[in-house]
Amino acid sequence: MNQNDGKLTMSIPEFAAAMGVSKATAYDLAKRDALPVKVLRIGEKRMVVSRKAVMALLESNDCWNGNQR
C-alpha cells in the first residue's frame, strides 16, 4: 500500500489492492454490502472503508468467505 497521508479511510480501489482482488469485484461486494468491513457511503456514489478495520482484518489471519462480516 502507498503512503496514506494520515487518511483514516481508504477508497474501494485501495481496498481492492490491499486485499488482492480486482476493483470490479471490490465494487460489486461493496454495493451489496458484502465486504468483510463496514462500507461508509458518502453521498450517492462515494464509498470508503475504515483503514484501521482493513489493517485489523489483514493482521487477524481470519478466513473470509464473502458471507460474513
N, C-alpha and C. Protein backbone atom coordinates (compact mmCIF):
# COMPACT_ATOMS: atom_id res chain seq x y z
N MET A 1 0.84 -1.17 0.00
CA MET A 1 0.00 0.00 0.00
C MET A 1 0.88 1.24 0.00
N ASN A 2 0.44 2.27 -0.67
CA ASN A 2 1.19 3.52 -0.72
C ASN A 2 1.03 4.30 0.57
N GLN A 3 1.83 5.35 0.70
CA GLN A 3 1.70 6.23 1.86
C GLN A 3 0.28 6.74 1.93
N ASN A 4 -0.33 6.71 3.12
CA ASN A 4 -1.74 7.07 3.23
C ASN A 4 -1.97 8.51 3.65
N ASP A 5 -0.93 9.28 3.85
CA ASP A 5 -1.05 10.70 4.20
C ASP A 5 -1.93 10.94 5.41
N GLY A 6 -2.01 9.97 6.32
CA GLY A 6 -2.78 10.14 7.54
C GLY A 6 -4.28 9.96 7.36
N LYS A 7 -4.71 9.49 6.19
CA LYS A 7 -6.14 9.30 5.96
C LYS A 7 -6.67 8.16 6.84
N LEU A 8 -7.87 8.34 7.37
CA LEU A 8 -8.50 7.33 8.21
C LEU A 8 -9.29 6.33 7.38
N THR A 9 -9.54 6.66 6.13
CA THR A 9 -10.32 5.78 5.27
C THR A 9 -9.53 5.42 4.02
N MET A 10 -10.01 4.41 3.32
CA MET A 10 -9.43 4.08 2.02
C MET A 10 -10.56 3.87 1.02
N SER A 11 -10.27 4.18 -0.21
CA SER A 11 -11.24 4.02 -1.29
C SER A 11 -11.42 2.54 -1.60
N ILE A 12 -12.42 2.23 -2.38
CA ILE A 12 -12.64 0.85 -2.78
C ILE A 12 -11.47 0.34 -3.65
N PRO A 13 -10.93 1.13 -4.57
CA PRO A 13 -9.75 0.66 -5.30
C PRO A 13 -8.54 0.40 -4.38
N GLU A 14 -8.35 1.22 -3.36
CA GLU A 14 -7.27 0.98 -2.40
C GLU A 14 -7.53 -0.31 -1.62
N PHE A 15 -8.79 -0.53 -1.23
CA PHE A 15 -9.16 -1.77 -0.55
C PHE A 15 -8.86 -2.97 -1.44
N ALA A 16 -9.25 -2.87 -2.71
CA ALA A 16 -9.03 -3.97 -3.66
C ALA A 16 -7.54 -4.30 -3.75
N ALA A 17 -6.70 -3.29 -3.85
CA ALA A 17 -5.26 -3.52 -3.94
C ALA A 17 -4.72 -4.18 -2.67
N ALA A 18 -5.19 -3.72 -1.51
CA ALA A 18 -4.73 -4.28 -0.24
C ALA A 18 -5.14 -5.74 -0.09
N MET A 19 -6.31 -6.09 -0.61
CA MET A 19 -6.84 -7.45 -0.45
C MET A 19 -6.45 -8.36 -1.60
N GLY A 20 -5.91 -7.81 -2.68
CA GLY A 20 -5.50 -8.62 -3.81
C GLY A 20 -6.65 -9.09 -4.67
N VAL A 21 -7.69 -8.26 -4.77
CA VAL A 21 -8.83 -8.58 -5.64
C VAL A 21 -8.98 -7.46 -6.66
N SER A 22 -9.77 -7.70 -7.69
CA SER A 22 -9.96 -6.67 -8.71
C SER A 22 -10.85 -5.54 -8.18
N LYS A 23 -10.71 -4.37 -8.79
CA LYS A 23 -11.58 -3.25 -8.43
C LYS A 23 -13.04 -3.60 -8.68
N ALA A 24 -13.30 -4.29 -9.79
CA ALA A 24 -14.68 -4.66 -10.12
C ALA A 24 -15.29 -5.55 -9.04
N THR A 25 -14.52 -6.52 -8.56
CA THR A 25 -15.00 -7.40 -7.50
C THR A 25 -15.26 -6.62 -6.22
N ALA A 26 -14.31 -5.76 -5.86
CA ALA A 26 -14.46 -4.97 -4.64
C ALA A 26 -15.68 -4.06 -4.72
N TYR A 27 -15.88 -3.39 -5.87
CA TYR A 27 -17.06 -2.53 -6.02
C TYR A 27 -18.35 -3.34 -5.96
N ASP A 28 -18.36 -4.51 -6.60
CA ASP A 28 -19.55 -5.36 -6.58
C ASP A 28 -19.89 -5.76 -5.14
N LEU A 29 -18.90 -6.20 -4.39
CA LEU A 29 -19.13 -6.59 -3.00
C LEU A 29 -19.56 -5.40 -2.14
N ALA A 30 -18.94 -4.24 -2.38
CA ALA A 30 -19.29 -3.04 -1.61
C ALA A 30 -20.74 -2.63 -1.86
N LYS A 31 -21.16 -2.68 -3.11
CA LYS A 31 -22.54 -2.31 -3.45
C LYS A 31 -23.55 -3.25 -2.80
N ARG A 32 -23.16 -4.51 -2.62
CA ARG A 32 -24.05 -5.50 -1.99
C ARG A 32 -23.86 -5.57 -0.49
N ASP A 33 -23.03 -4.68 0.06
CA ASP A 33 -22.70 -4.65 1.49
C ASP A 33 -22.15 -6.01 1.93
N ALA A 34 -21.28 -6.58 1.11
CA ALA A 34 -20.74 -7.90 1.37
C ALA A 34 -19.23 -7.90 1.62
N LEU A 35 -18.64 -6.74 1.85
CA LEU A 35 -17.22 -6.70 2.20
C LEU A 35 -17.06 -7.16 3.64
N PRO A 36 -15.87 -7.61 4.02
CA PRO A 36 -15.65 -8.06 5.40
C PRO A 36 -15.48 -6.90 6.38
N VAL A 37 -15.59 -5.67 5.89
CA VAL A 37 -15.56 -4.47 6.74
C VAL A 37 -16.73 -3.59 6.34
N LYS A 38 -17.13 -2.72 7.25
CA LYS A 38 -18.26 -1.83 7.00
C LYS A 38 -17.93 -0.83 5.90
N VAL A 39 -18.87 -0.67 4.97
CA VAL A 39 -18.73 0.31 3.90
C VAL A 39 -19.43 1.59 4.33
N LEU A 40 -18.70 2.69 4.26
CA LEU A 40 -19.26 4.00 4.59
C LEU A 40 -19.62 4.68 3.28
N ARG A 41 -20.88 5.05 3.15
CA ARG A 41 -21.34 5.70 1.93
C ARG A 41 -21.40 7.21 2.16
N ILE A 42 -20.79 7.93 1.23
CA ILE A 42 -20.76 9.39 1.30
C ILE A 42 -21.46 9.89 0.06
N GLY A 43 -22.63 10.45 0.24
CA GLY A 43 -23.42 10.87 -0.90
C GLY A 43 -24.00 9.65 -1.60
N GLU A 44 -24.32 9.82 -2.87
CA GLU A 44 -24.96 8.74 -3.62
C GLU A 44 -23.97 7.72 -4.18
N LYS A 45 -22.74 8.14 -4.45
CA LYS A 45 -21.81 7.25 -5.16
C LYS A 45 -20.55 6.90 -4.39
N ARG A 46 -20.05 7.80 -3.58
CA ARG A 46 -18.74 7.60 -2.93
C ARG A 46 -18.85 6.57 -1.82
N MET A 47 -17.95 5.59 -1.84
CA MET A 47 -17.87 4.56 -0.81
C MET A 47 -16.43 4.47 -0.33
N VAL A 48 -16.27 4.39 0.98
CA VAL A 48 -14.95 4.22 1.58
C VAL A 48 -15.07 3.19 2.71
N VAL A 49 -13.92 2.71 3.16
CA VAL A 49 -13.87 1.79 4.29
C VAL A 49 -12.83 2.30 5.27
N SER A 50 -12.95 1.89 6.52
CA SER A 50 -12.01 2.29 7.55
C SER A 50 -10.66 1.63 7.31
N ARG A 51 -9.62 2.43 7.23
CA ARG A 51 -8.27 1.91 7.05
C ARG A 51 -7.89 1.02 8.24
N LYS A 52 -8.28 1.44 9.44
CA LYS A 52 -7.98 0.67 10.66
C LYS A 52 -8.65 -0.71 10.60
N ALA A 53 -9.91 -0.76 10.15
CA ALA A 53 -10.63 -2.03 10.06
C ALA A 53 -9.98 -2.96 9.04
N VAL A 54 -9.54 -2.40 7.92
CA VAL A 54 -8.89 -3.22 6.89
C VAL A 54 -7.56 -3.76 7.41
N MET A 55 -6.78 -2.92 8.07
CA MET A 55 -5.50 -3.37 8.60
C MET A 55 -5.71 -4.44 9.67
N ALA A 56 -6.73 -4.28 10.51
CA ALA A 56 -7.04 -5.30 11.53
C ALA A 56 -7.42 -6.62 10.86
N LEU A 57 -8.20 -6.55 9.79
CA LEU A 57 -8.60 -7.75 9.05
C LEU A 57 -7.37 -8.45 8.48
N LEU A 58 -6.48 -7.70 7.88
CA LEU A 58 -5.27 -8.28 7.29
C LEU A 58 -4.35 -8.90 8.33
N GLU A 59 -4.33 -8.31 9.52
CA GLU A 59 -3.46 -8.82 10.59
C GLU A 59 -4.08 -9.98 11.35
N SER A 60 -5.38 -10.21 11.20
CA SER A 60 -6.09 -11.21 12.01
C SER A 60 -5.89 -12.63 11.53
N ASN A 61 -5.50 -12.83 10.28
CA ASN A 61 -5.38 -14.16 9.69
C ASN A 61 -6.71 -14.90 9.64
N ASP A 62 -7.82 -14.20 9.80
CA ASP A 62 -9.13 -14.82 9.70
C ASP A 62 -9.45 -15.14 8.25
N CYS A 63 -10.14 -16.22 8.05
CA CYS A 63 -10.61 -16.60 6.71
C CYS A 63 -11.92 -15.87 6.45
N TRP A 64 -12.05 -15.31 5.27
CA TRP A 64 -13.28 -14.61 4.89
C TRP A 64 -13.83 -15.25 3.64
N ASN A 65 -15.11 -15.65 3.70
CA ASN A 65 -15.69 -16.34 2.55
C ASN A 65 -16.71 -15.50 1.80
N GLY A 66 -16.84 -14.23 2.16
CA GLY A 66 -17.78 -13.36 1.46
C GLY A 66 -19.17 -13.37 2.04
N ASN A 67 -19.43 -14.21 3.03
CA ASN A 67 -20.76 -14.29 3.63
C ASN A 67 -20.79 -13.86 5.08
N GLN A 68 -19.70 -13.32 5.56
CA GLN A 68 -19.65 -12.93 6.96
C GLN A 68 -18.97 -11.59 7.10
N ARG A 69 -19.20 -10.93 8.20
CA ARG A 69 -18.51 -9.68 8.48
C ARG A 69 -18.12 -9.65 9.92
